[in-house]
Amino acid sequence: MLIGQLARRTGTSERLLRYYERVGLLTSTRQANGYRDYDDAAEQAVRQIRALLAAGLSTTLIRQVMPCALADGSLRPCPGVLDKLHAQLDRLDRRAEELAQARQALHQAIATAERSE
């Protein structure tokens, strides 16, 4: 399928699809006229890439995870990848705690300001 078709099917811009290809997350072949030609698996790959990006993974880590991806969107355990995913989860947990503390501090500041009115 052509890049425009893949973009429509996945709701992803053509620019992002070219970026995914440039950083090694997606592959295509070239037609005689130079147009990119994606196979049917590209649609699921783009959906997996988008989901992993939404989960906070970097494109570098996603490039390592993608070979572990199965057709149904799940991941099979690959050596070293699970450890990296656990490390990312730990980073997200720490960030969530920092945000919760910042949220609480803001609530307290607002409450104090409102009592002073």
N, C-alpha and C. Protein backbone atom coordinates (compact mmCIF):
# COMPACT_ATOMS: atom_id res chain seq x y z
N MET A 1 0.85 -1.17 0.00
CA MET A 1 0.00 0.00 0.00
C MET A 1 0.89 1.23 0.00
N LEU A 2 0.38 2.30 -0.56
CA LEU A 2 1.13 3.55 -0.63
C LEU A 2 1.07 4.28 0.70
N ILE A 3 1.97 5.22 0.89
CA ILE A 3 2.08 5.93 2.16
C ILE A 3 0.77 6.65 2.52
N GLY A 4 0.09 7.21 1.54
CA GLY A 4 -1.18 7.89 1.81
C GLY A 4 -2.23 6.94 2.33
N GLN A 5 -2.27 5.73 1.77
CA GLN A 5 -3.22 4.72 2.25
C GLN A 5 -2.90 4.32 3.68
N LEU A 6 -1.63 4.10 3.97
CA LEU A 6 -1.23 3.73 5.32
C LEU A 6 -1.55 4.85 6.30
N ALA A 7 -1.31 6.07 5.88
CA ALA A 7 -1.62 7.22 6.74
C ALA A 7 -3.11 7.26 7.07
N ARG A 8 -3.96 7.07 6.08
CA ARG A 8 -5.41 7.09 6.31
C ARG A 8 -5.85 5.94 7.21
N ARG A 9 -5.33 4.76 6.97
CA ARG A 9 -5.73 3.58 7.75
C ARG A 9 -5.33 3.67 9.22
N THR A 10 -4.23 4.36 9.48
CA THR A 10 -3.70 4.42 10.85
C THR A 10 -3.94 5.75 11.53
N GLY A 11 -4.41 6.74 10.80
CA GLY A 11 -4.59 8.06 11.38
C GLY A 11 -3.27 8.74 11.72
N THR A 12 -2.25 8.39 10.99
CA THR A 12 -0.91 8.91 11.22
C THR A 12 -0.49 9.72 10.00
N SER A 13 0.16 10.83 10.21
CA SER A 13 0.56 11.66 9.07
C SER A 13 1.64 10.97 8.25
N GLU A 14 1.68 11.32 6.98
CA GLU A 14 2.72 10.79 6.10
C GLU A 14 4.10 11.19 6.61
N ARG A 15 4.20 12.38 7.14
CA ARG A 15 5.48 12.87 7.68
C ARG A 15 5.97 11.96 8.81
N LEU A 16 5.05 11.57 9.71
CA LEU A 16 5.45 10.67 10.80
C LEU A 16 5.83 9.30 10.27
N LEU A 17 5.12 8.81 9.28
CA LEU A 17 5.46 7.51 8.70
C LEU A 17 6.86 7.54 8.09
N ARG A 18 7.20 8.63 7.42
CA ARG A 18 8.56 8.76 6.87
C ARG A 18 9.59 8.81 8.00
N TYR A 19 9.24 9.50 9.09
CA TYR A 19 10.14 9.56 10.25
C TYR A 19 10.33 8.16 10.84
N TYR A 20 9.24 7.42 11.02
CA TYR A 20 9.35 6.06 11.56
C TYR A 20 10.27 5.21 10.69
N GLU A 21 10.17 5.40 9.40
CA GLU A 21 11.02 4.65 8.50
C GLU A 21 12.48 5.10 8.63
N ARG A 22 12.69 6.40 8.72
CA ARG A 22 14.05 6.95 8.83
C ARG A 22 14.77 6.46 10.09
N VAL A 23 14.02 6.31 11.20
CA VAL A 23 14.66 5.87 12.45
C VAL A 23 14.64 4.35 12.62
N GLY A 24 14.17 3.63 11.60
CA GLY A 24 14.25 2.17 11.62
C GLY A 24 13.09 1.45 12.28
N LEU A 25 11.97 2.14 12.47
CA LEU A 25 10.80 1.50 13.08
C LEU A 25 9.88 0.86 12.06
N LEU A 26 9.98 1.25 10.84
CA LEU A 26 9.07 0.83 9.78
C LEU A 26 9.88 0.63 8.51
N THR A 27 9.48 -0.32 7.69
CA THR A 27 10.19 -0.56 6.43
C THR A 27 9.21 -0.53 5.26
N SER A 28 9.75 -0.19 4.12
CA SER A 28 8.99 -0.22 2.88
C SER A 28 9.92 -0.62 1.76
N THR A 29 9.31 -0.97 0.66
CA THR A 29 10.08 -1.17 -0.56
C THR A 29 9.76 0.02 -1.45
N ARG A 30 10.49 0.16 -2.52
CA ARG A 30 10.25 1.27 -3.44
C ARG A 30 9.73 0.71 -4.77
N GLN A 31 8.69 1.34 -5.27
CA GLN A 31 8.19 0.99 -6.59
C GLN A 31 9.13 1.59 -7.63
N ALA A 32 8.93 1.23 -8.88
CA ALA A 32 9.79 1.73 -9.96
C ALA A 32 9.75 3.26 -10.03
N ASN A 33 8.61 3.84 -9.67
CA ASN A 33 8.49 5.31 -9.72
C ASN A 33 9.02 5.98 -8.46
N GLY A 34 9.57 5.20 -7.51
CA GLY A 34 10.15 5.74 -6.28
C GLY A 34 9.18 5.84 -5.12
N TYR A 35 7.91 5.53 -5.35
CA TYR A 35 6.92 5.58 -4.27
C TYR A 35 7.18 4.47 -3.25
N ARG A 36 6.94 4.80 -2.00
CA ARG A 36 7.06 3.80 -0.95
C ARG A 36 5.90 2.82 -1.07
N ASP A 37 6.21 1.54 -0.84
CA ASP A 37 5.20 0.49 -0.88
C ASP A 37 5.29 -0.30 0.42
N TYR A 38 4.24 -0.24 1.23
CA TYR A 38 4.21 -0.92 2.52
C TYR A 38 3.41 -2.21 2.41
N ASP A 39 3.86 -3.24 3.12
CA ASP A 39 3.09 -4.48 3.12
C ASP A 39 1.94 -4.38 4.11
N ASP A 40 1.10 -5.39 4.15
CA ASP A 40 -0.09 -5.36 5.00
C ASP A 40 0.27 -5.30 6.48
N ALA A 41 1.42 -5.84 6.86
CA ALA A 41 1.84 -5.84 8.27
C ALA A 41 2.19 -4.44 8.76
N ALA A 42 2.42 -3.51 7.86
CA ALA A 42 2.81 -2.15 8.25
C ALA A 42 1.72 -1.47 9.06
N GLU A 43 0.47 -1.75 8.76
CA GLU A 43 -0.63 -1.12 9.49
C GLU A 43 -0.57 -1.50 10.97
N GLN A 44 -0.39 -2.78 11.27
CA GLN A 44 -0.29 -3.22 12.66
C GLN A 44 0.99 -2.67 13.29
N ALA A 45 2.07 -2.62 12.54
CA ALA A 45 3.33 -2.09 13.08
C ALA A 45 3.17 -0.64 13.50
N VAL A 46 2.50 0.16 12.67
CA VAL A 46 2.29 1.57 13.02
C VAL A 46 1.44 1.67 14.28
N ARG A 47 0.42 0.86 14.39
CA ARG A 47 -0.42 0.88 15.60
C ARG A 47 0.40 0.52 16.84
N GLN A 48 1.30 -0.45 16.72
CA GLN A 48 2.15 -0.83 17.83
C GLN A 48 3.13 0.30 18.17
N ILE A 49 3.70 0.91 17.17
CA ILE A 49 4.62 2.03 17.39
C ILE A 49 3.90 3.14 18.15
N ARG A 50 2.71 3.50 17.69
CA ARG A 50 1.94 4.57 18.34
C ARG A 50 1.61 4.22 19.78
N ALA A 51 1.24 2.97 20.03
CA ALA A 51 0.91 2.54 21.40
C ALA A 51 2.15 2.60 22.29
N LEU A 52 3.28 2.18 21.78
CA LEU A 52 4.52 2.21 22.57
C LEU A 52 4.98 3.64 22.82
N LEU A 53 4.82 4.51 21.84
CA LEU A 53 5.13 5.93 22.06
C LEU A 53 4.21 6.52 23.13
N ALA A 54 2.93 6.16 23.07
CA ALA A 54 1.98 6.65 24.07
C ALA A 54 2.32 6.14 25.47
N ALA A 55 2.99 4.98 25.53
CA ALA A 55 3.40 4.42 26.81
C ALA A 55 4.69 5.05 27.32
N GLY A 56 5.22 6.01 26.56
CA GLY A 56 6.40 6.73 27.02
C GLY A 56 7.73 6.16 26.57
N LEU A 57 7.72 5.21 25.66
CA LEU A 57 8.97 4.63 25.20
C LEU A 57 9.59 5.53 24.14
N SER A 58 10.90 5.56 24.13
CA SER A 58 11.64 6.31 23.11
C SER A 58 11.67 5.50 21.82
N THR A 59 11.95 6.18 20.72
CA THR A 59 12.05 5.45 19.45
C THR A 59 13.21 4.46 19.48
N THR A 60 14.26 4.79 20.21
CA THR A 60 15.39 3.86 20.34
C THR A 60 14.95 2.57 21.01
N LEU A 61 14.19 2.69 22.10
CA LEU A 61 13.71 1.49 22.78
C LEU A 61 12.66 0.76 21.94
N ILE A 62 11.82 1.50 21.25
CA ILE A 62 10.81 0.86 20.40
C ILE A 62 11.48 0.04 19.31
N ARG A 63 12.58 0.55 18.76
CA ARG A 63 13.31 -0.20 17.73
C ARG A 63 13.78 -1.55 18.28
N GLN A 64 14.11 -1.60 19.57
CA GLN A 64 14.53 -2.85 20.19
C GLN A 64 13.33 -3.76 20.49
N VAL A 65 12.18 -3.15 20.78
CA VAL A 65 10.99 -3.90 21.14
C VAL A 65 10.29 -4.49 19.91
N MET A 66 10.30 -3.78 18.80
CA MET A 66 9.53 -4.18 17.62
C MET A 66 9.82 -5.60 17.13
N PRO A 67 11.04 -6.09 17.17
CA PRO A 67 11.25 -7.48 16.75
C PRO A 67 10.54 -8.49 17.66
N CYS A 68 10.13 -8.06 18.84
CA CYS A 68 9.43 -8.93 19.78
C CYS A 68 7.91 -8.89 19.59
N ALA A 69 7.45 -7.99 18.73
CA ALA A 69 6.02 -7.80 18.53
C ALA A 69 5.41 -8.95 17.75
N LEU A 70 4.25 -9.38 18.21
CA LEU A 70 3.50 -10.41 17.51
C LEU A 70 2.37 -9.77 16.70
N ALA A 71 1.83 -10.52 15.77
CA ALA A 71 0.80 -9.99 14.87
C ALA A 71 -0.43 -9.48 15.60
N ASP A 72 -0.72 -10.04 16.78
CA ASP A 72 -1.93 -9.62 17.51
C ASP A 72 -1.70 -8.38 18.38
N GLY A 73 -0.50 -7.80 18.30
CA GLY A 73 -0.21 -6.59 19.07
C GLY A 73 0.47 -6.86 20.40
N SER A 74 0.57 -8.12 20.78
CA SER A 74 1.24 -8.45 22.04
C SER A 74 2.75 -8.59 21.80
N LEU A 75 3.48 -8.78 22.88
CA LEU A 75 4.93 -8.93 22.78
C LEU A 75 5.34 -10.29 23.30
N ARG A 76 6.28 -10.90 22.63
CA ARG A 76 6.88 -12.13 23.16
C ARG A 76 8.11 -11.71 23.94
N PRO A 77 8.49 -12.49 24.94
CA PRO A 77 9.67 -12.11 25.73
C PRO A 77 10.95 -12.26 24.91
N CYS A 78 11.66 -11.18 24.75
CA CYS A 78 12.94 -11.19 24.05
C CYS A 78 14.04 -10.88 25.06
N PRO A 79 15.21 -11.47 24.92
CA PRO A 79 16.29 -11.23 25.87
C PRO A 79 16.59 -9.73 26.02
N GLY A 80 16.60 -9.28 27.26
CA GLY A 80 16.95 -7.90 27.56
C GLY A 80 15.84 -6.90 27.42
N VAL A 81 14.86 -7.17 26.58
CA VAL A 81 13.80 -6.20 26.33
C VAL A 81 12.89 -6.05 27.54
N LEU A 82 12.55 -7.15 28.17
CA LEU A 82 11.67 -7.08 29.34
C LEU A 82 12.31 -6.25 30.45
N ASP A 83 13.61 -6.38 30.65
CA ASP A 83 14.30 -5.57 31.65
C ASP A 83 14.21 -4.08 31.31
N LYS A 84 14.35 -3.76 30.04
CA LYS A 84 14.26 -2.35 29.62
C LYS A 84 12.84 -1.82 29.80
N LEU A 85 11.85 -2.65 29.55
CA LEU A 85 10.46 -2.22 29.75
C LEU A 85 10.17 -2.02 31.24
N HIS A 86 10.71 -2.90 32.08
CA HIS A 86 10.54 -2.72 33.54
C HIS A 86 11.21 -1.42 33.99
N ALA A 87 12.38 -1.13 33.44
CA ALA A 87 13.08 0.11 33.81
C ALA A 87 12.26 1.32 33.39
N GLN A 88 11.64 1.26 32.21
CA GLN A 88 10.79 2.37 31.76
C GLN A 88 9.58 2.51 32.68
N LEU A 89 9.01 1.40 33.08
CA LEU A 89 7.86 1.44 34.00
C LEU A 89 8.28 2.07 35.33
N ASP A 90 9.45 1.74 35.82
CA ASP A 90 9.95 2.35 37.05
C ASP A 90 10.10 3.87 36.89
N ARG A 91 10.63 4.30 35.75
CA ARG A 91 10.76 5.75 35.50
C ARG A 91 9.39 6.42 35.47
N LEU A 92 8.43 5.78 34.84
CA LEU A 92 7.08 6.34 34.79
C LEU A 92 6.45 6.40 36.19
N ASP A 93 6.67 5.37 36.98
CA ASP A 93 6.14 5.36 38.35
C ASP A 93 6.74 6.50 39.17
N ARG A 94 8.05 6.71 39.04
CA ARG A 94 8.69 7.81 39.76
C ARG A 94 8.13 9.15 39.30
N ARG A 95 7.95 9.30 38.01
CA ARG A 95 7.41 10.56 37.46
C ARG A 95 5.97 10.77 37.94
N ALA A 96 5.19 9.70 37.99
CA ALA A 96 3.81 9.81 38.47
C ALA A 96 3.79 10.27 39.92
N GLU A 97 4.70 9.77 40.72
CA GLU A 97 4.78 10.18 42.13
C GLU A 97 5.18 11.65 42.23
N GLU A 98 6.14 12.08 41.42
CA GLU A 98 6.54 13.49 41.40
C GLU A 98 5.36 14.38 41.01
N LEU A 99 4.61 13.96 40.01
CA LEU A 99 3.45 14.74 39.58
C LEU A 99 2.37 14.77 40.67
N ALA A 100 2.18 13.65 41.36
CA ALA A 100 1.19 13.62 42.44
C ALA A 100 1.60 14.59 43.56
N GLN A 101 2.88 14.63 43.87
CA GLN A 101 3.36 15.56 44.90
C GLN A 101 3.19 17.01 44.45
N ALA A 102 3.49 17.29 43.19
CA ALA A 102 3.32 18.64 42.66
C ALA A 102 1.85 19.03 42.67
N ARG A 103 1.00 18.10 42.33
CA ARG A 103 -0.44 18.35 42.34
C ARG A 103 -0.93 18.68 43.74
N GLN A 104 -0.46 17.92 44.71
CA GLN A 104 -0.86 18.16 46.10
C GLN A 104 -0.37 19.53 46.57
N ALA A 105 0.86 19.87 46.23
CA ALA A 105 1.40 21.19 46.61
C ALA A 105 0.58 22.31 45.99
N LEU A 106 0.17 22.13 44.76
CA LEU A 106 -0.65 23.15 44.10
C LEU A 106 -2.02 23.27 44.76
N HIS A 107 -2.62 22.14 45.09
CA HIS A 107 -3.89 22.15 45.81
C HIS A 107 -3.76 22.93 47.13
N GLN A 108 -2.68 22.68 47.85
CA GLN A 108 -2.46 23.38 49.12
C GLN A 108 -2.26 24.87 48.92
N ALA A 109 -1.51 25.25 47.88
CA ALA A 109 -1.28 26.67 47.59
C ALA A 109 -2.60 27.36 47.25
N ILE A 110 -3.41 26.70 46.46
CA ILE A 110 -4.71 27.27 46.07
C ILE A 110 -5.59 27.41 47.30
N ALA A 111 -5.65 26.38 48.14
CA ALA A 111 -6.48 26.43 49.34
C ALA A 111 -6.03 27.55 50.26
N THR A 112 -4.73 27.72 50.43
CA THR A 112 -4.22 28.79 51.28
C THR A 112 -4.58 30.15 50.71
N ALA A 113 -4.45 30.30 49.42
CA ALA A 113 -4.77 31.57 48.76
C ALA A 113 -6.27 31.88 48.87
N GLU A 114 -7.08 30.89 48.71
CA GLU A 114 -8.53 31.09 48.79
C GLU A 114 -8.97 31.44 50.21
N ARG A 115 -8.31 30.87 51.20
CA ARG A 115 -8.65 31.20 52.61
C ARG A 115 -8.25 32.64 52.95
N SER A 116 -7.23 33.14 52.24
CA SER A 116 -6.75 34.50 52.51
C SER A 116 -7.61 35.56 51.87
N GLU A 117 -8.49 35.19 50.99
CA GLU A 117 -9.33 36.20 50.29
C GLU A 117 -10.28 36.87 51.23
